[in-house]
């Protein structure tokens, strides 16, 4: 591991967490070796996982902030709580990553450097799956990605669901305030599409992803029925929005 994390006044690492158990501590421990500062948003967790971070907070009192929300409000809403506070402390960009140890901490600096070199852009992780990836999840995201490409006229979203990303904060805030949706599991795909509608440039970076088996402590908040219904409704809304924007997009292309 790299024992000299990068320290930034402009790029914040934000980790939303809901009942991720011991994996939260592992994720944060590894991230602290790569980047400072880090904010962890505890989204109404009731499993005591935030208590595991207290020794780390004592070790990094100025660089690790734990924000505890009183109740679960969803991934997108939790991230919004963080980015509302970030600009007042000088942050212009935010890297989001999941708390369940699926995303590689050793890619954090790659994402951040790409953002530093291209500050107007959104940096999207493009997952590279191994044999641990459930095939139903892999196939399902292909469908979502196809819709995202259609809704943005191929603006450049290689993967609409992967949660390891760097956003320009002001663009992300504007997108979040433009819709009452994108507050739960629909956050990642809806925000990617709406950022493309704002003509935010996109850079994709191939990123390995791991799926940890439940027997090994893996956790997942994804509910196939509930969240697939949420995604279907989201794409119907976005496609309707795409159709309303189509005449202007065609005029710009002429």
Protein backbone atom coordinates (compact mmCIF):
# COMPACT_ATOMS: atom_id res chain seq x y z
CA UNK A 1 0.00 0.00 0.00
CA UNK A 2 0.97 3.59 -0.57
CA UNK A 3 1.74 5.12 2.85
CA UNK A 4 1.80 8.68 1.53
CA UNK A 5 -1.73 9.65 0.60
CA UNK A 6 -2.32 12.63 -1.63
CA UNK A 7 -3.74 15.62 0.22
CA UNK A 8 -6.04 17.96 -1.67
CA UNK A 9 -7.82 21.24 -0.99
CA UNK A 10 -10.02 20.92 -4.07
CA UNK A 11 -10.87 17.24 -4.55
CA UNK A 12 -12.89 15.48 -1.86
CA UNK A 13 -13.42 11.73 -1.50
CA UNK A 14 -16.99 10.99 -0.42
CA UNK A 15 -18.15 7.55 0.72
CA UNK A 16 -21.88 7.03 1.41
CA UNK A 17 -22.65 4.01 3.58
CA UNK A 18 -25.76 2.17 4.70
CA UNK A 19 -25.32 -0.94 6.86
CA UNK A 20 -22.10 -2.08 5.21
CA UNK A 21 -20.73 -3.66 8.37
CA UNK A 22 -17.04 -4.44 8.69
CA UNK A 23 -16.48 -3.73 4.98
CA UNK A 24 -16.89 -0.02 5.70
CA UNK A 25 -13.78 0.04 7.89
CA UNK A 26 -11.76 -1.91 5.32
CA UNK A 27 -12.87 0.45 2.55
CA UNK A 28 -12.02 3.58 4.53
CA UNK A 29 -8.69 2.18 5.80
CA UNK A 30 -7.55 1.51 2.24
CA UNK A 31 -8.84 4.84 0.97
CA UNK A 32 -6.96 6.74 3.69
CA UNK A 33 -3.72 5.33 2.30
CA UNK A 34 -4.49 6.98 -1.05
CA UNK A 35 -6.27 10.28 -0.50
CA UNK A 36 -7.13 12.95 2.04
CA UNK A 37 -9.58 14.32 3.02
CA UNK A 38 -12.38 11.76 3.17
CA UNK A 39 -15.96 12.30 4.27
CA UNK A 40 -18.08 9.28 5.14
CA UNK A 41 -21.84 9.80 5.04
CA UNK A 42 -23.55 7.34 7.39
CA UNK A 43 -26.99 7.10 5.80
CA UNK A 44 -29.07 6.16 8.82
CA UNK A 45 -27.19 2.90 9.42
CA UNK A 46 -28.39 0.88 12.40
CA UNK A 47 -25.69 -1.83 12.35
CA UNK A 48 -23.13 0.16 14.35
CA UNK A 49 -20.69 0.17 11.44
CA UNK A 50 -19.80 3.83 11.99
CA UNK A 51 -18.37 2.93 15.41
CA UNK A 52 -15.68 0.93 13.62
CA UNK A 53 -14.40 4.20 12.16
CA UNK A 54 -13.79 5.93 15.49
CA UNK A 55 -10.16 4.74 15.85
CA UNK A 56 -9.49 5.93 12.29
CA UNK A 57 -11.06 9.29 13.05
CA UNK A 58 -8.77 9.63 16.08
CA UNK A 59 -5.81 8.82 13.84
CA UNK A 60 -6.90 11.29 11.13
CA UNK A 61 -8.79 13.99 13.09
CA UNK A 62 -8.39 16.67 10.41
CA UNK A 63 -8.82 14.43 7.36
CA UNK A 64 -11.60 11.95 8.11
CA UNK A 65 -15.06 13.35 8.74
CA UNK A 66 -18.04 11.19 9.66
CA UNK A 67 -21.45 12.69 8.90
CA UNK A 68 -24.25 10.70 10.54
CA UNK A 69 -27.74 11.11 9.10
CA UNK A 70 -30.58 10.29 11.51
CA UNK A 71 -32.46 8.08 9.04
CA UNK A 72 -31.86 6.32 5.75
CA UNK A 73 -32.60 8.69 2.86
CA UNK A 74 -30.92 6.88 -0.04
CA UNK A 75 -27.55 7.01 -1.76
CA UNK A 76 -28.24 10.04 -3.94
CA UNK A 77 -29.76 12.05 -1.12
CA UNK A 78 -26.85 11.19 1.16
CA UNK A 79 -24.34 12.34 -1.45
CA UNK A 80 -26.33 15.55 -1.87
CA UNK A 81 -26.01 16.20 1.86
CA UNK A 82 -22.23 15.98 1.47
CA UNK A 83 -21.84 18.11 -1.63
CA UNK A 84 -24.04 20.84 -0.16
CA UNK A 85 -21.38 21.33 2.51
CA UNK A 86 -18.31 20.81 0.35
CA UNK A 87 -18.11 24.12 -1.61
CA UNK A 88 -18.06 26.19 1.58
CA UNK A 89 -14.82 24.40 2.47
CA UNK A 90 -13.23 25.06 -0.90
CA UNK A 91 -13.91 21.76 -2.66
CA UNK A 92 -14.64 21.90 -6.38
CA UNK A 93 -14.76 18.19 -7.23
CA UNK A 94 -15.90 15.04 -5.50
CA UNK A 95 -15.00 11.39 -6.03
CA UNK A 96 -17.74 9.04 -4.91
CA UNK A 97 -17.05 5.40 -4.18
CA UNK A 98 -19.05 2.63 -2.55
CA UNK A 99 -18.51 1.56 1.05
CA UNK A 100 -18.80 -2.19 0.42
CA UNK A 101 -15.21 -2.73 -0.78
CA UNK A 102 -16.23 -3.33 -4.40
CA UNK A 103 -14.22 -0.39 -5.75
CA UNK A 104 -10.39 -0.45 -5.85
CA UNK A 105 -8.76 2.08 -3.55
CA UNK A 106 -5.55 1.93 -5.59
CA UNK A 107 -7.43 3.61 -8.46
CA UNK A 108 -8.38 6.67 -6.41
CA UNK A 109 -5.32 8.67 -7.41
CA UNK A 110 -5.83 7.79 -11.09
CA UNK A 111 -9.38 9.14 -10.96
CA UNK A 112 -8.34 12.27 -9.12
CA UNK A 113 -5.40 13.03 -11.40
CA UNK A 114 -7.61 12.69 -14.48
CA UNK A 115 -10.00 15.16 -12.89
CA UNK A 116 -7.22 17.57 -11.95
CA UNK A 117 -5.96 17.47 -15.54
CA UNK A 118 -9.51 17.80 -16.96
CA UNK A 119 -11.45 19.85 -14.37
CA UNK A 120 -14.45 20.47 -16.62
CA UNK A 121 -15.04 16.74 -17.11
CA UNK A 122 -16.87 13.98 -15.29
CA UNK A 123 -14.66 10.92 -14.77
CA UNK A 124 -16.66 7.69 -15.02
CA UNK A 125 -15.45 4.28 -13.96
CA UNK A 126 -16.10 1.56 -16.53
CA UNK A 127 -16.25 -1.75 -14.66
CA UNK A 128 -14.04 -4.68 -15.56
CA UNK A 129 -15.79 -7.72 -14.10
CA UNK A 130 -14.20 -10.90 -12.85
CA UNK A 131 -15.82 -14.28 -12.24
CA UNK A 132 -17.41 -13.02 -9.01
CA UNK A 133 -19.88 -10.80 -10.89
CA UNK A 134 -23.46 -12.20 -10.93
CA UNK A 135 -24.43 -12.67 -14.57
CA UNK A 136 -27.92 -11.27 -13.98
CA UNK A 137 -26.33 -8.01 -12.80
CA UNK A 138 -23.97 -7.87 -15.78
CA UNK A 139 -26.77 -8.44 -18.27
CA UNK A 140 -29.08 -5.99 -16.53
CA UNK A 141 -26.57 -3.15 -16.68
CA UNK A 142 -26.15 -3.70 -20.42
CA UNK A 143 -29.80 -2.85 -20.83
CA UNK A 144 -29.47 0.25 -18.67
CA UNK A 145 -26.35 1.32 -20.56
CA UNK A 146 -28.16 0.97 -23.87
CA UNK A 147 -30.92 3.27 -22.67
CA UNK A 148 -28.39 5.80 -21.34
CA UNK A 149 -26.64 5.92 -24.71
CA UNK A 150 -29.96 6.51 -26.45
CA UNK A 151 -31.04 9.20 -23.98
CA UNK A 152 -27.77 11.10 -24.50
CA UNK A 153 -27.32 10.46 -28.24
CA UNK A 154 -24.10 8.60 -27.49
CA UNK A 155 -22.49 11.41 -25.49
CA UNK A 156 -19.95 8.97 -24.08
CA UNK A 157 -21.36 7.13 -21.05
CA UNK A 158 -19.72 3.70 -21.19
CA UNK A 159 -21.35 2.54 -17.96
CA UNK A 160 -24.31 4.25 -16.34
CA UNK A 161 -24.40 2.33 -13.05
CA UNK A 162 -20.83 2.16 -11.75
CA UNK A 163 -20.56 4.30 -8.63
CA UNK A 164 -16.86 5.21 -8.64
CA UNK A 165 -16.81 8.63 -10.30
CA UNK A 166 -15.47 12.16 -10.07
CA UNK A 167 -17.95 15.00 -10.52
CA UNK A 168 -17.47 18.75 -10.80
CA UNK A 169 -19.46 19.69 -7.69
CA UNK A 170 -21.31 22.72 -9.06
CA UNK A 171 -22.55 20.74 -12.08
CA UNK A 172 -23.63 17.89 -9.81
CA UNK A 173 -25.50 20.24 -7.46
CA UNK A 174 -27.27 21.86 -10.42
CA UNK A 175 -28.31 18.44 -11.74
CA UNK A 176 -29.56 17.30 -8.34
CA UNK A 177 -31.59 20.47 -7.88
CA UNK A 178 -33.09 20.04 -11.37
CA UNK A 179 -34.95 16.85 -10.38
CA UNK A 180 -36.69 15.43 -7.34
CA UNK A 181 -35.47 11.98 -8.38
CA UNK A 182 -31.93 10.50 -8.34
CA UNK A 183 -32.10 10.19 -4.57
CA UNK A 184 -31.78 6.41 -4.20
CA UNK A 185 -30.44 3.59 -6.38
CA UNK A 186 -31.37 5.66 -9.44
CA UNK A 187 -28.71 8.25 -8.54
CA UNK A 188 -25.81 6.97 -10.65
CA UNK A 189 -27.59 6.46 -14.00
CA UNK A 190 -29.86 9.48 -13.78
CA UNK A 191 -27.08 11.85 -12.80
CA UNK A 192 -24.84 10.56 -15.61
CA UNK A 193 -27.56 11.23 -18.18
CA UNK A 194 -28.43 14.66 -16.81
CA UNK A 195 -24.76 15.66 -16.67
CA UNK A 196 -24.53 14.70 -20.34
CA UNK A 197 -27.56 16.87 -21.05
CA UNK A 198 -25.57 19.74 -19.49
CA UNK A 199 -22.86 18.87 -22.03
CA UNK A 200 -20.34 18.03 -19.32
CA UNK A 201 -17.44 16.20 -21.04
CA UNK A 202 -16.97 12.57 -20.05
CA UNK A 203 -13.78 10.58 -19.58
CA UNK A 204 -14.15 6.85 -18.99
CA UNK A 205 -11.56 4.79 -17.12
CA UNK A 206 -11.58 0.99 -17.05
CA UNK A 207 -11.76 -0.06 -13.41
CA UNK A 208 -11.75 -3.53 -11.83
CA UNK A 209 -14.72 -4.34 -9.61
CA UNK A 210 -15.16 -7.16 -7.13
CA UNK A 211 -18.33 -8.78 -5.85
CA UNK A 212 -17.82 -10.15 -2.36
CA UNK A 213 -19.81 -13.26 -1.51
CA UNK A 214 -22.25 -12.99 1.37
CA UNK A 215 -20.47 -15.87 3.11
CA UNK A 216 -17.32 -13.71 3.12
CA UNK A 217 -19.09 -10.70 4.61
CA UNK A 218 -20.35 -9.18 1.37
CA UNK A 219 -23.38 -6.91 1.60
CA UNK A 220 -25.75 -5.55 -1.02
CA UNK A 221 -28.66 -3.17 -0.70
CA UNK A 222 -29.81 -3.94 -4.26
CA UNK A 223 -33.33 -5.40 -4.37
CA UNK A 224 -34.06 -6.92 -7.76
CA UNK A 225 -37.78 -6.20 -7.84
CA UNK A 226 -37.84 -2.79 -6.16
CA UNK A 227 -34.76 -1.35 -7.82
CA UNK A 228 -35.48 -2.68 -11.31
CA UNK A 229 -38.90 -1.05 -11.13
CA UNK A 230 -37.16 2.16 -10.04
CA UNK A 231 -34.76 1.94 -13.00
CA UNK A 232 -37.55 1.23 -15.50
CA UNK A 233 -39.48 4.26 -14.29
CA UNK A 234 -36.32 6.36 -14.42
CA UNK A 235 -35.55 5.44 -18.02
CA UNK A 236 -39.14 6.14 -19.05
CA UNK A 237 -38.82 9.62 -17.55
CA UNK A 238 -35.41 10.21 -19.08
CA UNK A 239 -36.49 8.98 -22.50
CA UNK A 240 -39.45 11.37 -22.39
CA UNK A 241 -37.02 14.14 -21.46
CA UNK A 242 -34.73 13.08 -24.30
CA UNK A 243 -37.58 13.34 -26.81
CA UNK A 244 -38.38 16.85 -25.62
CA UNK A 245 -34.73 17.83 -26.13
CA UNK A 246 -34.31 16.09 -29.47
CA UNK A 247 -35.35 19.00 -31.76
CA UNK A 248 -32.79 21.34 -30.12
CA UNK A 249 -30.10 18.66 -30.27
CA UNK A 250 -30.74 18.12 -33.96
CA UNK A 251 -30.56 21.86 -34.61
CA UNK A 252 -27.18 22.03 -32.87
CA UNK A 253 -25.94 19.14 -35.01
CA UNK A 254 -26.85 20.87 -38.27
